[in-house]
C-alpha cells in the first residue's frame, strides 16, 4: 500500500522535453522572419535570369541568410518529426531506426543545401 505521492515519485517529469520544446519554439520564431525574407526575395527576383540569381546569392547578406534559413529549417524539421515518431511509433527498434534515419537525412540535406549556397556564393 503506497500513497499517491509514493506512487508518483520517480514517475513524474523526466526532466527532459523542455529543452526540445524550447528549441522547437525558437526555431519556429526564427523561421518567421527568414521565411518572409525568402518569399520577398523570390518575388523581387521573379523574371530575373540565372545570372541575376547567382549575383544576388553571391552577396554576403543573402548568402548568410540563406544558410541560416536552410540550417534552421532542417533543425526545426528534425525536431518536429522526432515528436511524431516518438508519439506514434511503438516498437522500440523501429522508433530508434526511424530517429537515426531522420537525423541523418536532415543533416545530409542541410549540408547539401549549405554546400550549394556556398558554392554559388563563392563562384558568383
PDB file of N, CA and C in Angstrom:
ATOM      1  N   UNK A   1       0.847  -1.171   0.000  1.00  0.00           N
ATOM      2  CA  UNK A   1       0.000   0.000   0.000  1.00  0.00           C
ATOM      3  C   UNK A   1       0.896   1.238   0.000  1.00  0.00           C
ATOM      4  N   UNK A   2       0.812   1.997  -1.080  1.00  0.00           N
ATOM      5  CA  UNK A   2       1.605   3.218  -1.184  1.00  0.00           C
ATOM      6  C   UNK A   2       0.658   4.386  -1.353  1.00  0.00           C
ATOM      7  N   UNK A   3       1.098   5.506  -0.854  1.00  0.00           N
ATOM      8  CA  UNK A   3       0.308   6.724  -1.022  1.00  0.00           C
ATOM      9  C   UNK A   3       0.394   7.184  -2.475  1.00  0.00           C
ATOM     10  N   UNK A   4      -0.529   8.052  -2.913  1.00  0.00           N
ATOM     11  CA  UNK A   4      -0.448   8.578  -4.283  1.00  0.00           C
ATOM     12  C   UNK A   4       0.887   9.272  -4.556  1.00  0.00           C
ATOM     13  N   UNK A   5       1.422   9.975  -3.572  1.00  0.00           N
ATOM     14  CA  UNK A   5       2.716  10.623  -3.758  1.00  0.00           C
ATOM     15  C   UNK A   5       3.817   9.583  -3.938  1.00  0.00           C
ATOM     16  N   UNK A   6       3.769   8.531  -3.152  1.00  0.00           N
ATOM     17  CA  UNK A   6       4.764   7.476  -3.254  1.00  0.00           C
ATOM     18  C   UNK A   6       4.735   6.799  -4.610  1.00  0.00           C
ATOM     19  N   UNK A   7       3.547   6.608  -5.170  1.00  0.00           N
ATOM     20  CA  UNK A   7       3.437   6.012  -6.498  1.00  0.00           C
ATOM     21  C   UNK A   7       3.944   6.959  -7.580  1.00  0.00           C
ATOM     22  N   UNK A   8       3.790   8.254  -7.362  1.00  0.00           N
ATOM     23  CA  UNK A   8       4.165   9.239  -8.380  1.00  0.00           C
ATOM     24  C   UNK A   8       5.656   9.547  -8.384  1.00  0.00           C
ATOM     25  N   UNK A   9       6.311   9.357  -7.247  1.00  0.00           N
ATOM     26  CA  UNK A   9       7.743   9.665  -7.186  1.00  0.00           C
ATOM     27  C   UNK A   9       8.475   8.730  -8.148  1.00  0.00           C
ATOM     28  N   UNK A  10       9.266   9.321  -8.988  1.00  0.00           N
ATOM     29  CA  UNK A  10      10.005   8.541  -9.975  1.00  0.00           C
ATOM     30  C   UNK A  10       9.228   8.349 -11.262  1.00  0.00           C
ATOM     31  N   UNK A  11       7.957   8.688 -11.267  1.00  0.00           N
ATOM     32  CA  UNK A  11       7.160   8.519 -12.473  1.00  0.00           C
ATOM     33  C   UNK A  11       6.713   9.859 -13.051  1.00  0.00           C
ATOM     34  N   UNK A  12       7.153  10.927 -12.428  1.00  0.00           N
ATOM     35  CA  UNK A  12       6.723  12.246 -12.884  1.00  0.00           C
ATOM     36  C   UNK A  12       7.556  12.738 -14.046  1.00  0.00           C
ATOM     37  N   UNK A  13       7.851  14.008 -14.025  1.00  0.00           N
ATOM     38  CA  UNK A  13       8.614  14.635 -15.092  1.00  0.00           C
ATOM     39  C   UNK A  13       9.951  13.938 -15.258  1.00  0.00           C
ATOM     40  N   UNK A  14      10.289  13.686 -16.495  1.00  0.00           N
ATOM     41  CA  UNK A  14      11.565  13.036 -16.782  1.00  0.00           C
ATOM     42  C   UNK A  14      12.692  14.055 -16.844  1.00  0.00           C
ATOM     43  N   UNK A  15      12.375  15.317 -16.598  1.00  0.00           N
ATOM     44  CA  UNK A  15      13.339  16.409 -16.678  1.00  0.00           C
ATOM     45  C   UNK A  15      13.904  16.531 -18.088  1.00  0.00           C
ATOM     46  N   UNK A  16      13.159  16.054 -19.053  1.00  0.00           N
ATOM     47  CA  UNK A  16      13.522  16.161 -20.457  1.00  0.00           C
ATOM     48  C   UNK A  16      12.327  16.713 -21.203  1.00  0.00           C
ATOM     49  N   UNK A  17      12.555  17.163 -22.376  1.00  0.00           N
ATOM     50  CA  UNK A  17      11.448  17.635 -23.183  1.00  0.00           C
ATOM     51  C   UNK A  17      11.317  19.138 -23.191  1.00  0.00           C
ATOM     52  N   UNK A  18      11.678  19.805 -22.111  1.00  0.00           N
ATOM     53  CA  UNK A  18      11.556  21.256 -22.063  1.00  0.00           C
ATOM     54  C   UNK A  18      12.549  21.885 -23.030  1.00  0.00           C
ATOM     55  N   UNK A  19      13.759  21.358 -23.047  1.00  0.00           N
ATOM     56  CA  UNK A  19      14.759  21.881 -23.987  1.00  0.00           C
ATOM     57  C   UNK A  19      14.300  21.656 -25.422  1.00  0.00           C
ATOM     58  N   UNK A  20      13.779  20.485 -25.705  1.00  0.00           N
ATOM     59  CA  UNK A  20      13.266  20.166 -27.042  1.00  0.00           C
ATOM     60  C   UNK A  20      12.132  21.126 -27.405  1.00  0.00           C
ATOM     61  N   UNK A  21      11.238  21.339 -26.471  1.00  0.00           N
ATOM     62  CA  UNK A  21      10.101  22.236 -26.692  1.00  0.00           C
ATOM     63  C   UNK A  21      10.584  23.650 -26.989  1.00  0.00           C
ATOM     64  N   UNK A  22      11.552  24.128 -26.188  1.00  0.00           N
ATOM     65  CA  UNK A  22      12.089  25.473 -26.398  1.00  0.00           C
ATOM     66  C   UNK A  22      12.793  25.587 -27.739  1.00  0.00           C
ATOM     67  N   UNK A  23      13.579  24.586 -28.103  1.00  0.00           N
ATOM     68  CA  UNK A  23      14.265  24.613 -29.397  1.00  0.00           C
ATOM     69  C   UNK A  23      13.266  24.699 -30.537  1.00  0.00           C
ATOM     70  N   UNK A  24      12.194  23.940 -30.428  1.00  0.00           N
ATOM     71  CA  UNK A  24      11.197  23.964 -31.492  1.00  0.00           C
ATOM     72  C   UNK A  24      10.521  25.333 -31.576  1.00  0.00           C
ATOM     73  N   UNK A  25      10.233  25.933 -30.443  1.00  0.00           N
ATOM     74  CA  UNK A  25       9.609  27.264 -30.449  1.00  0.00           C
ATOM     75  C   UNK A  25      10.561  28.324 -30.981  1.00  0.00           C
ATOM     76  N   UNK A  26      11.824  28.261 -30.566  1.00  0.00           N
ATOM     77  CA  UNK A  26      12.808  29.250 -31.027  1.00  0.00           C
ATOM     78  C   UNK A  26      13.087  29.119 -32.522  1.00  0.00           C
ATOM     79  N   UNK A  27      13.171  27.881 -33.017  1.00  0.00           N
ATOM     80  CA  UNK A  27      13.369  27.722 -34.456  1.00  0.00           C
ATOM     81  C   UNK A  27      12.148  28.189 -35.231  1.00  0.00           C
ATOM     82  N   UNK A  28      10.963  27.986 -34.674  1.00  0.00           N
ATOM     83  CA  UNK A  28       9.747  28.475 -35.341  1.00  0.00           C
ATOM     84  C   UNK A  28       9.747  30.000 -35.403  1.00  0.00           C
ATOM     85  N   UNK A  29      10.161  30.636 -34.320  1.00  0.00           N
ATOM     86  CA  UNK A  29      10.233  32.103 -34.293  1.00  0.00           C
ATOM     87  C   UNK A  29      11.272  32.590 -35.296  1.00  0.00           C
ATOM     88  N   UNK A  30      12.417  31.910 -35.366  1.00  0.00           N
ATOM     89  CA  UNK A  30      13.465  32.301 -36.312  1.00  0.00           C
ATOM     90  C   UNK A  30      13.011  32.107 -37.754  1.00  0.00           C
ATOM     91  N   UNK A  31      12.171  31.101 -37.990  1.00  0.00           N
ATOM     92  CA  UNK A  31      11.721  30.835 -39.358  1.00  0.00           C
ATOM     93  C   UNK A  31      10.744  31.892 -39.876  1.00  0.00           C
ATOM     94  N   UNK A  32      10.084  32.613 -38.998  1.00  0.00           N
ATOM     95  CA  UNK A  32       9.136  33.641 -39.458  1.00  0.00           C
ATOM     96  C   UNK A  32       9.853  34.728 -40.256  1.00  0.00           C
ATOM     97  N   UNK A  33      10.842  35.439 -39.679  1.00  0.00           N
ATOM     98  CA  UNK A  33      11.497  36.468 -40.494  1.00  0.00           C
ATOM     99  C   UNK A  33      12.306  35.882 -41.650  1.00  0.00           C
ATOM    100  N   UNK A  34      12.934  34.730 -41.433  1.00  0.00           N
ATOM    101  CA  UNK A  34      13.692  34.122 -42.519  1.00  0.00           C
ATOM    102  C   UNK A  34      12.781  33.704 -43.672  1.00  0.00           C
ATOM    103  N   UNK A  35      11.641  33.147 -43.345  1.00  0.00           N
ATOM    104  CA  UNK A  35      10.687  32.750 -44.382  1.00  0.00           C
ATOM    105  C   UNK A  35      10.115  33.947 -45.120  1.00  0.00           C
ATOM    106  N   UNK A  36       9.783  34.993 -44.381  1.00  0.00           N
ATOM    107  CA  UNK A  36       9.282  36.211 -45.027  1.00  0.00           C
ATOM    108  C   UNK A  36      10.347  36.830 -45.922  1.00  0.00           C
ATOM    109  N   UNK A  37      11.592  36.860 -45.450  1.00  0.00           N
ATOM    110  CA  UNK A  37      12.687  37.362 -46.274  1.00  0.00           C
ATOM    111  C   UNK A  37      12.818  36.545 -47.554  1.00  0.00           C
ATOM    112  N   UNK A  38      12.744  35.221 -47.434  1.00  0.00           N
ATOM    113  CA  UNK A  38      12.904  34.345 -48.596  1.00  0.00           C
ATOM    114  C   UNK A  38      11.788  34.570 -49.613  1.00  0.00           C
ATOM    115  N   UNK A  39      10.560  34.664 -49.149  1.00  0.00           N
ATOM    116  CA  UNK A  39       9.432  34.910 -50.066  1.00  0.00           C
ATOM    117  C   UNK A  39       9.588  36.271 -50.738  1.00  0.00           C
ATOM    118  N   UNK A  40       9.954  37.297 -49.966  1.00  0.00           N
ATOM    119  CA  UNK A  40      10.154  38.628 -50.541  1.00  0.00           C
ATOM    120  C   UNK A  40      11.284  38.611 -51.569  1.00  0.00           C
ATOM    121  N   UNK A  41      12.358  37.894 -51.278  1.00  0.00           N
ATOM    122  CA  UNK A  41      13.479  37.805 -52.211  1.00  0.00           C
ATOM    123  C   UNK A  41      13.065  37.091 -53.488  1.00  0.00           C
ATOM    124  N   UNK A  42      12.297  36.026 -53.355  1.00  0.00           N
ATOM    125  CA  UNK A  42      11.817  35.324 -54.547  1.00  0.00           C
ATOM    126  C   UNK A  42      10.929  36.226 -55.396  1.00  0.00           C
ATOM    127  N   UNK A  43      10.027  36.940 -54.755  1.00  0.00           N
ATOM    128  CA  UNK A  43       9.130  37.837 -55.501  1.00  0.00           C
ATOM    129  C   UNK A  43       9.907  38.973 -56.162  1.00  0.00           C
ATOM    130  N   UNK A  44      10.953  39.441 -55.509  1.00  0.00           N
ATOM    131  CA  UNK A  44      11.754  40.528 -56.074  1.00  0.00           C
ATOM    132  C   UNK A  44      12.551  40.071 -57.292  1.00  0.00           C
ATOM    133  N   UNK A  45      12.799  38.776 -57.399  1.00  0.00           N
ATOM    134  CA  UNK A  45      13.609  38.268 -58.495  1.00  0.00           C
ATOM    135  C   UNK A  45      12.806  37.502 -59.544  1.00  0.00           C
ATOM    136  N   UNK A  46      11.498  37.603 -59.486  1.00  0.00           N
ATOM    137  CA  UNK A  46      10.664  36.949 -60.498  1.00  0.00           C
ATOM    138  C   UNK A  46      10.987  37.573 -61.853  1.00  0.00           C
ATOM    139  N   UNK A  47      11.213  36.726 -62.827  1.00  0.00           N
ATOM    140  CA  UNK A  47      11.535  37.206 -64.165  1.00  0.00           C
ATOM    141  C   UNK A  47      13.013  37.416 -64.388  1.00  0.00           C
ATOM    142  N   UNK A  48      13.794  37.411 -63.339  1.00  0.00           N
ATOM    143  CA  UNK A  48      15.245  37.557 -63.473  1.00  0.00           C
ATOM    144  C   UNK A  48      15.847  36.252 -63.947  1.00  0.00           C
ATOM    145  N   UNK A  49      16.986  36.333 -64.523  1.00  0.00           N
ATOM    146  CA  UNK A  49      17.642  35.144 -65.039  1.00  0.00           C
ATOM    147  C   UNK A  49      18.569  34.489 -64.036  1.00  0.00           C
ATOM    148  N   UNK A  50      19.219  33.467 -64.508  1.00  0.00           N
ATOM    149  CA  UNK A  50      20.170  32.707 -63.688  1.00  0.00           C
ATOM    150  C   UNK A  50      21.308  33.598 -63.215  1.00  0.00           C
ATOM    151  N   UNK A  51      21.839  34.402 -64.109  1.00  0.00           N
ATOM    152  CA  UNK A  51      22.970  35.275 -63.753  1.00  0.00           C
ATOM    153  C   UNK A  51      22.594  36.256 -62.651  1.00  0.00           C
ATOM    154  N   UNK A  52      21.367  36.772 -62.705  1.00  0.00           N
ATOM    155  CA  UNK A  52      20.916  37.699 -61.661  1.00  0.00           C
ATOM    156  C   UNK A  52      20.805  36.974 -60.310  1.00  0.00           C
ATOM    157  N   UNK A  53      20.305  35.757 -60.335  1.00  0.00           N
ATOM    158  CA  UNK A  53      20.175  34.980 -59.094  1.00  0.00           C
ATOM    159  C   UNK A  53      21.545  34.653 -58.504  1.00  0.00           C
ATOM    160  N   UNK A  54      22.485  34.284 -59.354  1.00  0.00           N
ATOM    161  CA  UNK A  54      23.837  33.976 -58.883  1.00  0.00           C
ATOM    162  C   UNK A  54      24.495  35.228 -58.306  1.00  0.00           C
ATOM    163  N   UNK A  55      24.322  36.360 -58.984  1.00  0.00           N
ATOM    164  CA  UNK A  55      24.897  37.612 -58.481  1.00  0.00           C
ATOM    165  C   UNK A  55      24.284  37.989 -57.135  1.00  0.00           C
ATOM    166  N   UNK A  56      22.977  37.796 -57.009  1.00  0.00           N
ATOM    167  CA  UNK A  56      22.295  38.113 -55.747  1.00  0.00           C
ATOM    168  C   UNK A  56      22.802  37.215 -54.621  1.00  0.00           C
ATOM    169  N   UNK A  57      22.884  35.902 -54.892  1.00  0.00           N
ATOM    170  CA  UNK A  57      23.321  34.960 -53.855  1.00  0.00           C
ATOM    171  C   UNK A  57      24.816  35.086 -53.582  1.00  0.00           C
ATOM    172  N   UNK A  58      25.550  35.722 -54.470  1.00  0.00           N
ATOM    173  CA  UNK A  58      26.969  35.940 -54.264  1.00  0.00           C
ATOM    174  C   UNK A  58      27.274  37.054 -53.276  1.00  0.00           C
ATOM    175  N   UNK A  59      26.268  37.845 -52.950  1.00  0.00           N
ATOM    176  CA  UNK A  59      26.460  38.906 -51.949  1.00  0.00           C
ATOM    177  C   UNK A  59      26.405  38.292 -50.552  1.00  0.00           C
ATOM    178  N   UNK A  60      27.117  38.873 -49.584  1.00  0.00           N
ATOM    179  CA  UNK A  60      27.225  38.253 -48.258  1.00  0.00           C
ATOM    180  C   UNK A  60      25.904  38.101 -47.504  1.00  0.00           C
ATOM    181  N   UNK A  61      25.102  39.152 -47.450  1.00  0.00           N
ATOM    182  CA  UNK A  61      23.877  39.090 -46.638  1.00  0.00           C
ATOM    183  C   UNK A  61      22.903  38.029 -47.154  1.00  0.00           C
ATOM    184  N   UNK A  62      22.583  37.983 -48.451  1.00  0.00           N
ATOM    185  CA  UNK A  62      21.691  36.922 -48.920  1.00  0.00           C
ATOM    186  C   UNK A  62      22.268  35.520 -48.712  1.00  0.00           C
ATOM    187  N   UNK A  63      23.565  35.357 -48.899  1.00  0.00           N
ATOM    188  CA  UNK A  63      24.168  34.032 -48.710  1.00  0.00           C
ATOM    189  C   UNK A  63      24.074  33.598 -47.244  1.00  0.00           C
ATOM    190  N   UNK A  64      24.364  34.505 -46.335  1.00  0.00           N
ATOM    191  CA  UNK A  64      24.285  34.180 -44.901  1.00  0.00           C
ATOM    192  C   UNK A  64      22.846  33.885 -44.504  1.00  0.00           C
ATOM    193  N   UNK A  65      21.921  34.700 -44.975  1.00  0.00           N
ATOM    194  CA  UNK A  65      20.504  34.480 -44.648  1.00  0.00           C
ATOM    195  C   UNK A  65      20.018  33.145 -45.206  1.00  0.00           C
ATOM    196  N   UNK A  66      20.461  32.788 -46.402  1.00  0.00           N
ATOM    197  CA  UNK A  66      20.048  31.511 -46.995  1.00  0.00           C
ATOM    198  C   UNK A  66      20.623  30.331 -46.220  1.00  0.00           C
ATOM    199  N   UNK A  67      21.871  30.433 -45.796  1.00  0.00           N
ATOM    200  CA  UNK A  67      22.473  29.369 -44.981  1.00  0.00           C
ATOM    201  C   UNK A  67      21.717  29.234 -43.662  1.00  0.00           C
ATOM    202  N   UNK A  68      21.384  30.350 -43.032  1.00  0.00           N
ATOM    203  CA  UNK A  68      20.592  30.308 -41.795  1.00  0.00           C
ATOM    204  C   UNK A  68      19.227  29.679 -42.034  1.00  0.00           C
ATOM    205  N   UNK A  69      18.578  30.071 -43.121  1.00  0.00           N
ATOM    206  CA  UNK A  69      17.262  29.511 -43.435  1.00  0.00           C
ATOM    207  C   UNK A  69      17.341  27.992 -43.591  1.00  0.00           C
ATOM    208  N   UNK A  70      18.327  27.521 -44.312  1.00  0.00           N
ATOM    209  CA  UNK A  70      18.471  26.076 -44.522  1.00  0.00           C
ATOM    210  C   UNK A  70      18.744  25.366 -43.200  1.00  0.00           C
ATOM    211  N   UNK A  71      19.691  25.873 -42.423  1.00  0.00           N
ATOM    212  CA  UNK A  71      20.060  25.220 -41.159  1.00  0.00           C
ATOM    213  C   UNK A  71      18.883  25.185 -40.184  1.00  0.00           C
ATOM    214  N   UNK A  72      18.212  26.312 -40.018  1.00  0.00           N
ATOM    215  CA  UNK A  72      17.095  26.383 -39.069  1.00  0.00           C
ATOM    216  C   UNK A  72      15.927  25.532 -39.546  1.00  0.00           C
ATOM    217  N   UNK A  73      15.671  25.539 -40.850  1.00  0.00           N
ATOM    218  CA  UNK A  73      14.560  24.739 -41.394  1.00  0.00           C
ATOM    219  C   UNK A  73      14.758  23.260 -41.117  1.00  0.00           C
ATOM    220  N   UNK A  74      15.951  22.749 -41.394  1.00  0.00           N
ATOM    221  CA  UNK A  74      16.166  21.316 -41.188  1.00  0.00           C
ATOM    222  C   UNK A  74      16.263  20.950 -39.704  1.00  0.00           C
ATOM    223  N   UNK A  75      16.744  21.853 -38.869  1.00  0.00           N
ATOM    224  CA  UNK A  75      16.739  21.575 -37.423  1.00  0.00           C
ATOM    225  C   UNK A  75      15.293  21.539 -36.913  1.00  0.00           C
ATOM    226  N   UNK A  76      14.490  22.494 -37.339  1.00  0.00           N
ATOM    227  CA  UNK A  76      13.084  22.532 -36.946  1.00  0.00           C
ATOM    228  C   UNK A  76      12.341  21.290 -37.452  1.00  0.00           C
ATOM    229  N   UNK A  77      12.641  20.891 -38.672  1.00  0.00           N
ATOM    230  CA  UNK A  77      12.021  19.691 -39.245  1.00  0.00           C
ATOM    231  C   UNK A  77      12.369  18.456 -38.427  1.00  0.00           C
ATOM    232  N   UNK A  78      13.641  18.315 -38.085  1.00  0.00           N
ATOM    233  CA  UNK A  78      14.071  17.150 -37.307  1.00  0.00           C
ATOM    234  C   UNK A  78      13.378  17.112 -35.946  1.00  0.00           C
ATOM    235  N   UNK A  79      13.257  18.271 -35.313  1.00  0.00           N
ATOM    236  CA  UNK A  79      12.583  18.322 -34.011  1.00  0.00           C
ATOM    237  C   UNK A  79      11.115  17.926 -34.129  1.00  0.00           C
ATOM    238  N   UNK A  80      10.451  18.441 -35.140  1.00  0.00           N
ATOM    239  CA  UNK A  80       9.028  18.161 -35.299  1.00  0.00           C
ATOM    240  C   UNK A  80       8.743  16.717 -35.658  1.00  0.00           C
ATOM    241  N   UNK A  81       9.510  16.168 -36.591  1.00  0.00           N
ATOM    242  CA  UNK A  81       9.275  14.781 -36.994  1.00  0.00           C
ATOM    243  C   UNK A  81       9.670  13.824 -35.873  1.00  0.00           C
ATOM    244  N   UNK A  82      10.663  14.206 -35.078  1.00  0.00           N
ATOM    245  CA  UNK A  82      11.043  13.377 -33.927  1.00  0.00           C
ATOM    246  C   UNK A  82       9.868  13.190 -32.985  1.00  0.00           C
ATOM    247  N   UNK A  83       9.128  14.253 -32.727  1.00  0.00           N
ATOM    248  CA  UNK A  83       7.966  14.168 -31.841  1.00  0.00           C
ATOM    249  C   UNK A  83       6.921  13.222 -32.423  1.00  0.00           C
ATOM    250  N   UNK A  84       6.693  13.322 -33.718  1.00  0.00           N
ATOM    251  CA  UNK A  84       5.711  12.443 -34.368  1.00  0.00           C
ATOM    252  C   UNK A  84       6.148  10.989 -34.246  1.00  0.00           C
ATOM    253  N   UNK A  85       7.419  10.711 -34.521  1.00  0.00           N
ATOM    254  CA  UNK A  85       7.917   9.332 -34.424  1.00  0.00           C
ATOM    255  C   UNK A  85       7.805   8.831 -32.995  1.00  0.00           C
ATOM    256  N   UNK A  86       8.212   9.639 -32.029  1.00  0.00           N
ATOM    257  CA  UNK A  86       8.151   9.199 -30.633  1.00  0.00           C
ATOM    258  C   UNK A  86       6.722   8.960 -30.171  1.00  0.00           C
ATOM    259  N   UNK A  87       5.784   9.727 -30.684  1.00  0.00           N
ATOM    260  CA  UNK A  87       4.394   9.581 -30.256  1.00  0.00           C
ATOM    261  C   UNK A  87       3.663   8.426 -30.939  1.00  0.00           C
ATOM    262  N   UNK A  88       3.996   8.136 -32.189  1.00  0.00           N
ATOM    263  CA  UNK A  88       3.176   7.200 -32.956  1.00  0.00           C
ATOM    264  C   UNK A  88       3.859   5.908 -33.367  1.00  0.00           C
ATOM    265  N   UNK A  89       5.161   5.782 -33.151  1.00  0.00           N
ATOM    266  CA  UNK A  89       5.842   4.518 -33.438  1.00  0.00           C
ATOM    267  C   UNK A  89       6.059   3.828 -32.095  1.00  0.00           C
ATOM    268  N   UNK A  90       5.541   2.615 -31.970  1.00  0.00           N
ATOM    269  CA  UNK A  90       5.526   1.969 -30.665  1.00  0.00           C
ATOM    270  C   UNK A  90       6.573   0.872 -30.509  1.00  0.00           C
ATOM    271  N   UNK A  91       7.075   0.323 -31.598  1.00  0.00           N
ATOM    272  CA  UNK A  91       8.132  -0.676 -31.486  1.00  0.00           C
ATOM    273  C   UNK A  91       9.461   0.058 -31.341  1.00  0.00           C
ATOM    274  N   UNK A  92      10.184  -0.281 -30.286  1.00  0.00           N
ATOM    275  CA  UNK A  92      11.403   0.471 -29.954  1.00  0.00           C
ATOM    276  C   UNK A  92      12.447   0.405 -31.059  1.00  0.00           C
ATOM    277  N   UNK A  93      12.635  -0.749 -31.685  1.00  0.00           N
ATOM    278  CA  UNK A  93      13.671  -0.858 -32.712  1.00  0.00           C
ATOM    279  C   UNK A  93      13.295  -0.068 -33.961  1.00  0.00           C
ATOM    280  N   UNK A  94      12.013  -0.014 -34.278  1.00  0.00           N
ATOM    281  CA  UNK A  94      11.557   0.784 -35.417  1.00  0.00           C
ATOM    282  C   UNK A  94      11.705   2.268 -35.090  1.00  0.00           C
ATOM    283  N   UNK A  95      11.340   2.619 -33.861  1.00  0.00           N
ATOM    284  CA  UNK A  95      11.451   4.016 -33.427  1.00  0.00           C
ATOM    285  C   UNK A  95      12.904   4.481 -33.490  1.00  0.00           C
ATOM    286  N   UNK A  96      13.822   3.677 -32.954  1.00  0.00           N
ATOM    287  CA  UNK A  96      15.230   4.038 -32.946  1.00  0.00           C
ATOM    288  C   UNK A  96      15.765   4.173 -34.374  1.00  0.00           C
ATOM    289  N   UNK A  97      15.424   3.216 -35.226  1.00  0.00           N
ATOM    290  CA  UNK A  97      15.862   3.272 -36.619  1.00  0.00           C
ATOM    291  C   UNK A  97      15.320   4.494 -37.349  1.00  0.00           C
ATOM    292  N   UNK A  98      14.056   4.808 -37.102  1.00  0.00           N
ATOM    293  CA  UNK A  98      13.447   5.976 -37.745  1.00  0.00           C
ATOM    294  C   UNK A  98      14.090   7.272 -37.258  1.00  0.00           C
ATOM    295  N   UNK A  99      14.369   7.359 -35.961  1.00  0.00           N
ATOM    296  CA  UNK A  99      15.002   8.570 -35.426  1.00  0.00           C
ATOM    297  C   UNK A  99      16.425   8.751 -35.959  1.00  0.00           C
ATOM    298  N   UNK A 100      17.162   7.647 -36.081  1.00  0.00           N
ATOM    299  CA  UNK A 100      18.514   7.731 -36.634  1.00  0.00           C
ATOM    300  C   UNK A 100      18.459   8.138 -38.100  1.00  0.00           C
ATOM    301  N   UNK A 101      17.572   7.508 -38.867  1.00  0.00           N
ATOM    302  CA  UNK A 101      17.429   7.847 -40.288  1.00  0.00           C
ATOM    303  C   UNK A 101      16.987   9.293 -40.456  1.00  0.00           C
ATOM    304  N   UNK A 102      16.091   9.747 -39.600  1.00  0.00           N
ATOM    305  CA  UNK A 102      15.614  11.130 -39.651  1.00  0.00           C
ATOM    306  C   UNK A 102      16.763  12.107 -39.446  1.00  0.00           C
ATOM    307  N   UNK A 103      17.564  11.887 -38.423  1.00  0.00           N
ATOM    308  CA  UNK A 103      18.682  12.791 -38.144  1.00  0.00           C
ATOM    309  C   UNK A 103      19.692  12.801 -39.288  1.00  0.00           C
ATOM    310  N   UNK A 104      20.036  11.607 -39.777  1.00  0.00           N
ATOM    311  CA  UNK A 104      20.978  11.544 -40.887  1.00  0.00           C
ATOM    312  C   UNK A 104      20.432  12.265 -42.114  1.00  0.00           C
ATOM    313  N   UNK A 105      19.163  12.059 -42.416  1.00  0.00           N
ATOM    314  CA  UNK A 105      18.561  12.695 -43.592  1.00  0.00           C
ATOM    315  C   UNK A 105      18.554  14.211 -43.442  1.00  0.00           C
ATOM    316  N   UNK A 106      18.175  14.709 -42.281  1.00  0.00           N
ATOM    317  CA  UNK A 106      18.135  16.161 -42.075  1.00  0.00           C
ATOM    318  C   UNK A 106      19.525  16.772 -42.140  1.00  0.00           C
ATOM    319  N   UNK A 107      20.507  16.117 -41.538  1.00  0.00           N
ATOM    320  CA  UNK A 107      21.872  16.636 -41.590  1.00  0.00           C
ATOM    321  C   UNK A 107      22.397  16.592 -43.024  1.00  0.00           C
ATOM    322  N   UNK A 108      22.169  15.482 -43.719  1.00  0.00           N
ATOM    323  CA  UNK A 108      22.631  15.356 -45.096  1.00  0.00           C
ATOM    324  C   UNK A 108      22.012  16.416 -45.996  1.00  0.00           C
ATOM    325  N   UNK A 109      20.707  16.615 -45.890  1.00  0.00           N
ATOM    326  CA  UNK A 109      20.032  17.611 -46.719  1.00  0.00           C
ATOM    327  C   UNK A 109      20.466  19.032 -46.365  1.00  0.00           C
ATOM    328  N   UNK A 110      20.661  19.311 -45.092  1.00  0.00           N
ATOM    329  CA  UNK A 110      21.114  20.638 -44.686  1.00  0.00           C
ATOM    330  C   UNK A 110      22.527  20.904 -45.204  1.00  0.00           C
ATOM    331  N   UNK A 111      23.406  19.932 -45.073  1.00  0.00           N
ATOM    332  CA  UNK A 111      24.775  20.101 -45.563  1.00  0.00           C
ATOM    333  C   UNK A 111      24.787  20.279 -47.079  1.00  0.00           C
ATOM    334  N   UNK A 112      23.971  19.508 -47.788  1.00  0.00           N
ATOM    335  CA  UNK A 112      23.902  19.648 -49.245  1.00  0.00           C
ATOM    336  C   UNK A 112      23.394  21.037 -49.638  1.00  0.00           C
ATOM    337  N   UNK A 113      22.381  21.528 -48.951  1.00  0.00           N
ATOM    338  CA  UNK A 113      21.848  22.852 -49.246  1.00  0.00           C
ATOM    339  C   UNK A 113      22.839  23.953 -48.945  1.00  0.00           C
ATOM    340  N   UNK A 114      23.508  23.850 -47.811  1.00  0.00           N
ATOM    341  CA  UNK A 114      24.504  24.858 -47.431  1.00  0.00           C
ATOM    342  C   UNK A 114      25.685  24.817 -48.398  1.00  0.00           C
ATOM    343  N   UNK A 115      26.110  23.621 -48.789  1.00  0.00           N
ATOM    344  CA  UNK A 115      27.185  23.500 -49.763  1.00  0.00           C
ATOM    345  C   UNK A 115      26.794  24.158 -51.087  1.00  0.00           C
ATOM    346  N   UNK A 116      25.570  23.946 -51.530  1.00  0.00           N
ATOM    347  CA  UNK A 116      25.114  24.556 -52.782  1.00  0.00           C
ATOM    348  C   UNK A 116      25.132  26.084 -52.689  1.00  0.00           C
ATOM    349  N   UNK A 117      24.669  26.606 -51.589  1.00  0.00           N
ATOM    350  CA  UNK A 117      24.666  28.072 -51.408  1.00  0.00           C
ATOM    351  C   UNK A 117      26.101  28.598 -51.403  1.00  0.00           C
ATOM    352  N   UNK A 118      26.978  27.948 -50.664  1.00  0.00           N
ATOM    353  CA  UNK A 118      28.362  28.410 -50.586  1.00  0.00           C
ATOM    354  C   UNK A 118      29.072  28.286 -51.936  1.00  0.00           C
ATOM    355  N   UNK A 119      28.756  27.248 -52.659  1.00  0.00           N
ATOM    356  CA  UNK A 119      29.378  27.078 -53.974  1.00  0.00           C
ATOM    357  C   UNK A 119      28.958  28.204 -54.921  1.00  0.00           C
ATOM    358  N   UNK A 120      27.672  28.541 -54.907  1.00  0.00           N
ATOM    359  CA  UNK A 120      27.196  29.636 -55.748  1.00  0.00           C
ATOM    360  C   UNK A 120      27.765  30.961 -55.249  1.00  0.00           C
ATOM    361  N   UNK A 121      27.795  31.139 -53.936  1.00  0.00           N
ATOM    362  CA  UNK A 121      28.276  32.404 -53.373  1.00  0.00           C
ATOM    363  C   UNK A 121      29.750  32.638 -53.660  1.00  0.00           C
ATOM    364  N   UNK A 122      30.539  31.595 -53.597  1.00  0.00           N
ATOM    365  CA  UNK A 122      31.978  31.738 -53.814  1.00  0.00           C
ATOM    366  C   UNK A 122      32.297  31.919 -55.298  1.00  0.00           C
ATOM    367  N   UNK A 123      31.605  31.170 -56.159  1.00  0.00           N
ATOM    368  CA  UNK A 123      31.858  31.272 -57.593  1.00  0.00           C
ATOM    369  C   UNK A 123      31.168  32.472 -58.217  1.00  0.00           C
ATOM    370  N   UNK A 124      30.086  32.933 -57.590  1.00  0.00           N
ATOM    371  CA  UNK A 124      29.311  34.031 -58.160  1.00  0.00           C
ATOM    372  C   UNK A 124      29.969  35.328 -57.902  1.00  0.00           C
TER     373      UNK A 124
END
